[in-house]
Amino acid sequence: MPGYSGSDPVSFEVAIKVKAETFIDSLPEKDQQIVINTLERLSDSPYPGKGGDKEKLVLSGGIFAYRIHIGRRYTAFYTIDKEAKLVQIHFVMTIEQAHKKYGR
């Protein structure tokens, strides 16, 4: 096939933790769809630099986490397990809550 490089693009599974899912379930239906659609797109592009407002965060102990703004209303915090090809969504909150909690 022309243009075929011999390997498929890496796709990640996206898993939503209970706290994040509980927050998403509390949102109006339209906002739920926006949040879910954005989080699903992380399966193709979880790292900063491609599609969306993503940022790598360095937590205490040198642990890496990531955040993505969803629209202008919400923020999700997630980790990436490259070997397991897994993106875990740990928290979803309003941008205001995220700024208060993480000091921005």
Protein backbone atom coordinates (compact mmCIF):
# COMPACT_ATOMS: atom_id res chain seq x y z
CA MET A 1 0.00 0.00 0.00
CA PRO A 2 1.35 3.44 -0.82
CA GLY A 3 2.28 5.40 2.31
CA TYR A 4 2.03 2.37 4.62
CA SER A 5 4.86 2.45 7.16
CA GLY A 6 4.42 -1.10 8.41
CA SER A 7 3.08 -0.19 11.83
CA ASP A 8 -0.31 0.95 13.08
CA PRO A 9 -0.60 4.18 15.05
CA VAL A 10 -0.51 3.66 18.80
CA SER A 11 -3.95 3.77 20.34
CA PHE A 12 -4.52 4.02 24.08
CA GLU A 13 -7.41 2.75 26.18
CA VAL A 14 -9.04 5.54 28.19
CA ALA A 15 -10.22 4.53 31.68
CA ILE A 16 -12.21 6.92 33.85
CA LYS A 17 -11.76 6.58 37.63
CA VAL A 18 -14.85 6.63 39.88
CA LYS A 19 -14.34 10.21 41.19
CA ALA A 20 -14.05 11.56 37.66
CA GLU A 21 -17.03 9.54 36.47
CA THR A 22 -19.15 10.77 39.40
CA PHE A 23 -18.36 14.38 38.50
CA ILE A 24 -19.15 13.81 34.82
CA ASP A 25 -22.46 12.14 35.73
CA SER A 26 -23.44 15.24 37.74
CA LEU A 27 -23.13 17.54 34.71
CA PRO A 28 -25.92 18.57 32.35
CA GLU A 29 -26.26 16.10 29.47
CA LYS A 30 -24.77 18.45 26.86
CA ASP A 31 -21.69 19.08 29.04
CA GLN A 32 -21.36 15.34 29.70
CA GLN A 33 -21.14 14.72 25.95
CA ILE A 34 -18.53 17.46 25.46
CA VAL A 35 -16.38 16.08 28.31
CA ILE A 36 -16.69 12.45 27.20
CA ASN A 37 -15.93 13.28 23.55
CA THR A 38 -12.82 15.21 24.58
CA LEU A 39 -11.60 12.43 26.88
CA GLU A 40 -12.18 9.80 24.18
CA ARG A 41 -9.91 11.76 21.84
CA LEU A 42 -7.04 11.15 24.29
CA SER A 43 -6.95 7.57 22.98
CA ASP A 44 -5.33 8.85 19.78
CA SER A 45 -3.36 11.77 21.19
CA PRO A 46 -2.77 11.84 24.97
CA TYR A 47 0.48 13.83 24.92
CA PRO A 48 0.75 17.64 24.81
CA GLY A 49 1.41 19.17 21.43
CA LYS A 50 -1.32 17.53 19.37
CA GLY A 51 -4.96 18.53 19.42
CA GLY A 52 -6.19 20.32 22.47
CA ASP A 53 -5.00 22.29 25.44
CA LYS A 54 -2.84 19.68 27.18
CA GLU A 55 0.00 20.22 29.62
CA LYS A 56 2.51 17.92 31.31
CA LEU A 57 2.71 18.40 35.07
CA VAL A 58 5.53 17.29 37.34
CA LEU A 59 4.25 16.26 40.75
CA SER A 60 6.26 15.64 43.92
CA GLY A 61 8.69 12.76 43.59
CA GLY A 62 9.13 13.35 39.85
CA ILE A 63 5.81 11.71 38.97
CA PHE A 64 4.29 12.92 35.72
CA ALA A 65 0.63 13.73 35.23
CA TYR A 66 -1.20 15.62 32.56
CA ARG A 67 -4.10 18.02 32.39
CA ILE A 68 -6.41 18.99 29.58
CA HIS A 69 -8.82 21.90 29.46
CA ILE A 70 -12.19 20.90 28.09
CA GLY A 71 -13.86 23.86 26.47
CA ARG A 72 -13.52 26.83 28.75
CA ARG A 73 -15.32 25.20 31.65
CA TYR A 74 -13.64 21.96 32.75
CA THR A 75 -10.23 20.46 33.41
CA ALA A 76 -9.30 16.77 33.53
CA PHE A 77 -6.18 15.36 35.18
CA TYR A 78 -4.80 12.09 33.87
CA THR A 79 -1.80 9.80 33.72
CA ILE A 80 -0.39 7.81 30.83
CA ASP A 81 0.97 4.28 31.08
CA LYS A 82 2.87 4.00 27.81
CA GLU A 83 3.65 0.30 28.19
CA ALA A 84 0.06 -0.68 28.96
CA LYS A 85 -1.23 1.85 26.39
CA LEU A 86 -3.57 3.21 29.06
CA VAL A 87 -4.75 6.73 29.84
CA GLN A 88 -6.34 6.97 33.29
CA ILE A 89 -8.59 9.95 34.00
CA HIS A 90 -8.24 10.64 37.73
CA PHE A 91 -10.19 13.87 38.21
CA VAL A 92 -12.51 16.11 36.23
CA MET A 93 -13.52 19.46 37.72
CA THR A 94 -14.42 22.98 36.75
CA ILE A 95 -11.51 25.18 35.72
CA GLU A 96 -12.21 27.35 38.77
CA GLN A 97 -11.96 24.33 41.10
CA ALA A 98 -8.73 23.26 39.41
CA HIS A 99 -7.20 26.72 39.85
CA LYS A 100 -8.13 26.81 43.55
CA LYS A 101 -6.84 23.29 44.16
CA TYR A 102 -3.63 23.60 42.17
CA GLY A 103 -2.83 27.27 42.73
CA ARG A 104 -3.10 28.83 39.28
